[in-house]
Amino acid sequence: MKTYVRDGDRIPLTAPAGGVVKDRGYLIGDLFVVAVASAAAGETFTAQITGVIEHAKTSAQAWTEGAALYWDNSGFLVTTTVGSNKKIGHAAAAAANPSATGRVRLQST
């Protein structure tokens, strides 16, 4: 196939102002990604865009399996609060209140 370029679970992107830190989530345009490695601003980094990740969450929230999850770009946390937050996927496992992290099945949109 001439149009196929590569698998899409991870893609190279340019790190935004401030750079990126390994294992932390970022909004690059309208795309939520997790940095596979740290990179300075303007450098190319590998971004995880699909799969199941474990990420920092709003501690005072309990998640049920399959709950819709959103990215709080000001707190850099995954949350169940919709508001102006971007939807990034669904809970891949239940998470207790309180708990520091949760498993997220990323949706690629």
C-alpha atoms as a PDB file:
ATOM      1  CA  MET A   1       0.000   0.000   0.000  1.00  0.00           C
ATOM      2  CA  LYS A   2       1.546   3.301  -1.084  1.00  0.00           C
ATOM      3  CA  THR A   3      -0.415   5.462   1.356  1.00  0.00           C
ATOM      4  CA  TYR A   4       0.578   3.599   4.550  1.00  0.00           C
ATOM      5  CA  VAL A   5       3.196   5.485   6.567  1.00  0.00           C
ATOM      6  CA  ARG A   6       3.445   3.801   9.999  1.00  0.00           C
ATOM      7  CA  ASP A   7       1.524   2.386  12.943  1.00  0.00           C
ATOM      8  CA  GLY A   8      -0.273   5.140  14.821  1.00  0.00           C
ATOM      9  CA  ASP A   9       0.036   4.196  18.515  1.00  0.00           C
ATOM     10  CA  ARG A  10       3.032   6.499  18.845  1.00  0.00           C
ATOM     11  CA  ILE A  11       3.862   9.435  16.611  1.00  0.00           C
ATOM     12  CA  PRO A  12       6.633  12.040  16.473  1.00  0.00           C
ATOM     13  CA  LEU A  13       5.549  15.563  17.413  1.00  0.00           C
ATOM     14  CA  THR A  14       7.242  18.867  18.243  1.00  0.00           C
ATOM     15  CA  ALA A  15       7.479  19.722  21.945  1.00  0.00           C
ATOM     16  CA  PRO A  16       5.558  22.895  22.843  1.00  0.00           C
ATOM     17  CA  ALA A  17       6.940  25.905  24.756  1.00  0.00           C
ATOM     18  CA  GLY A  18       8.252  24.651  28.083  1.00  0.00           C
ATOM     19  CA  GLY A  19       9.065  21.244  26.590  1.00  0.00           C
ATOM     20  CA  VAL A  20       7.602  17.903  27.667  1.00  0.00           C
ATOM     21  CA  VAL A  21       8.344  15.560  30.559  1.00  0.00           C
ATOM     22  CA  LYS A  22       8.326  11.774  30.208  1.00  0.00           C
ATOM     23  CA  ASP A  23       5.045  10.078  31.227  1.00  0.00           C
ATOM     24  CA  ARG A  24       3.106  13.349  31.499  1.00  0.00           C
ATOM     25  CA  GLY A  25       0.041  14.244  29.445  1.00  0.00           C
ATOM     26  CA  TYR A  26      -0.184  17.214  27.076  1.00  0.00           C
ATOM     27  CA  LEU A  27      -2.621  18.767  24.644  1.00  0.00           C
ATOM     28  CA  ILE A  28      -0.896  19.300  21.323  1.00  0.00           C
ATOM     29  CA  GLY A  29      -3.451  21.295  19.407  1.00  0.00           C
ATOM     30  CA  ASP A  30      -6.643  19.287  20.021  1.00  0.00           C
ATOM     31  CA  LEU A  31      -4.774  15.973  20.444  1.00  0.00           C
ATOM     32  CA  PHE A  32      -4.127  14.518  23.914  1.00  0.00           C
ATOM     33  CA  VAL A  33      -0.784  12.702  24.115  1.00  0.00           C
ATOM     34  CA  VAL A  34       1.565  11.273  26.716  1.00  0.00           C
ATOM     35  CA  ALA A  35       5.280  11.983  26.264  1.00  0.00           C
ATOM     36  CA  VAL A  36       7.305   8.770  25.951  1.00  0.00           C
ATOM     37  CA  ALA A  37      10.516  10.715  26.719  1.00  0.00           C
ATOM     38  CA  SER A  38      11.349  14.226  27.886  1.00  0.00           C
ATOM     39  CA  ALA A  39      12.231  16.860  25.265  1.00  0.00           C
ATOM     40  CA  ALA A  40      13.001  20.573  25.216  1.00  0.00           C
ATOM     41  CA  ALA A  41      10.735  23.066  23.451  1.00  0.00           C
ATOM     42  CA  GLY A  42      10.968  22.710  19.683  1.00  0.00           C
ATOM     43  CA  GLU A  43      12.536  19.252  19.805  1.00  0.00           C
ATOM     44  CA  THR A  44      10.849  16.200  18.321  1.00  0.00           C
ATOM     45  CA  PHE A  45       9.458  13.770  20.889  1.00  0.00           C
ATOM     46  CA  THR A  46       7.549  10.496  20.698  1.00  0.00           C
ATOM     47  CA  ALA A  47       3.912  10.833  21.738  1.00  0.00           C
ATOM     48  CA  GLN A  48       1.696   7.937  22.860  1.00  0.00           C
ATOM     49  CA  ILE A  49      -1.795   8.552  21.470  1.00  0.00           C
ATOM     50  CA  THR A  50      -3.586   5.210  21.891  1.00  0.00           C
ATOM     51  CA  GLY A  51      -3.555   2.341  24.356  1.00  0.00           C
ATOM     52  CA  VAL A  52      -4.018   2.141  28.117  1.00  0.00           C
ATOM     53  CA  ILE A  53      -1.946   4.417  30.333  1.00  0.00           C
ATOM     54  CA  GLU A  54      -1.731   5.037  34.057  1.00  0.00           C
ATOM     55  CA  HIS A  55      -1.792   8.764  34.827  1.00  0.00           C
ATOM     56  CA  ALA A  56      -2.231  11.207  37.690  1.00  0.00           C
ATOM     57  CA  LYS A  57      -5.921  11.848  38.417  1.00  0.00           C
ATOM     58  CA  THR A  58      -8.073  14.053  40.585  1.00  0.00           C
ATOM     59  CA  SER A  59      -7.522  12.220  43.874  1.00  0.00           C
ATOM     60  CA  ALA A  60     -10.955  12.956  45.334  1.00  0.00           C
ATOM     61  CA  GLN A  61     -12.822  11.184  42.513  1.00  0.00           C
ATOM     62  CA  ALA A  62     -13.862   7.555  42.297  1.00  0.00           C
ATOM     63  CA  TRP A  63     -13.945   6.060  38.797  1.00  0.00           C
ATOM     64  CA  THR A  64     -16.051   3.175  37.607  1.00  0.00           C
ATOM     65  CA  GLU A  65     -14.969   0.993  34.694  1.00  0.00           C
ATOM     66  CA  GLY A  66     -15.891   2.639  31.425  1.00  0.00           C
ATOM     67  CA  ALA A  67     -16.478   6.111  32.912  1.00  0.00           C
ATOM     68  CA  ALA A  68     -15.790   8.969  30.501  1.00  0.00           C
ATOM     69  CA  LEU A  69     -12.557  10.782  31.347  1.00  0.00           C
ATOM     70  CA  TYR A  70     -11.344  14.284  30.578  1.00  0.00           C
ATOM     71  CA  TRP A  71      -8.068  16.209  30.669  1.00  0.00           C
ATOM     72  CA  ASP A  72      -7.759  19.099  33.138  1.00  0.00           C
ATOM     73  CA  ASN A  73      -5.114  21.109  31.293  1.00  0.00           C
ATOM     74  CA  SER A  74      -4.614  23.559  34.165  1.00  0.00           C
ATOM     75  CA  GLY A  75      -3.993  20.872  36.798  1.00  0.00           C
ATOM     76  CA  PHE A  76      -2.445  18.345  34.385  1.00  0.00           C
ATOM     77  CA  LEU A  77      -4.753  15.649  35.765  1.00  0.00           C
ATOM     78  CA  VAL A  78      -7.298  13.210  34.398  1.00  0.00           C
ATOM     79  CA  THR A  79     -10.783  13.899  35.742  1.00  0.00           C
ATOM     80  CA  THR A  80     -14.431  12.914  35.381  1.00  0.00           C
ATOM     81  CA  THR A  81     -15.399  16.608  35.308  1.00  0.00           C
ATOM     82  CA  VAL A  82     -16.608  17.688  31.884  1.00  0.00           C
ATOM     83  CA  GLY A  83     -16.729  21.523  31.975  1.00  0.00           C
ATOM     84  CA  SER A  84     -14.250  22.931  29.488  1.00  0.00           C
ATOM     85  CA  ASN A  85     -12.033  19.843  29.775  1.00  0.00           C
ATOM     86  CA  LYS A  86     -11.191  17.759  26.688  1.00  0.00           C
ATOM     87  CA  LYS A  87     -12.470  14.191  26.560  1.00  0.00           C
ATOM     88  CA  ILE A  88      -9.483  11.834  26.326  1.00  0.00           C
ATOM     89  CA  GLY A  89     -10.947   8.365  26.849  1.00  0.00           C
ATOM     90  CA  HIS A  90     -12.519   6.013  29.388  1.00  0.00           C
ATOM     91  CA  ALA A  91     -11.570   4.400  32.680  1.00  0.00           C
ATOM     92  CA  ALA A  92      -9.899   1.066  31.947  1.00  0.00           C
ATOM     93  CA  ALA A  93     -10.306   0.074  35.611  1.00  0.00           C
ATOM     94  CA  ALA A  94     -12.100   1.326  38.689  1.00  0.00           C
ATOM     95  CA  ALA A  95     -10.165   3.862  40.790  1.00  0.00           C
ATOM     96  CA  ALA A  96     -10.827   4.668  44.432  1.00  0.00           C
ATOM     97  CA  ASN A  97     -11.474   7.983  46.141  1.00  0.00           C
ATOM     98  CA  PRO A  98      -8.831   8.928  47.166  1.00  0.00           C
ATOM     99  CA  SER A  99      -6.191   7.649  44.766  1.00  0.00           C
ATOM    100  CA  ALA A 100      -3.356   9.395  42.956  1.00  0.00           C
ATOM    101  CA  THR A 101      -3.525   7.566  39.616  1.00  0.00           C
ATOM    102  CA  GLY A 102      -5.955   5.772  37.360  1.00  0.00           C
ATOM    103  CA  ARG A 103      -5.889   3.666  34.196  1.00  0.00           C
ATOM    104  CA  VAL A 104      -7.112   5.412  31.075  1.00  0.00           C
ATOM    105  CA  ARG A 105      -7.934   3.859  27.717  1.00  0.00           C
ATOM    106  CA  LEU A 106      -6.988   6.664  25.365  1.00  0.00           C
ATOM    107  CA  GLN A 107      -9.316   7.516  22.527  1.00  0.00           C
ATOM    108  CA  SER A 108      -7.734   8.827  19.372  1.00  0.00           C
ATOM    109  CA  THR A 109      -9.761  11.721  18.001  1.00  0.00           C
END
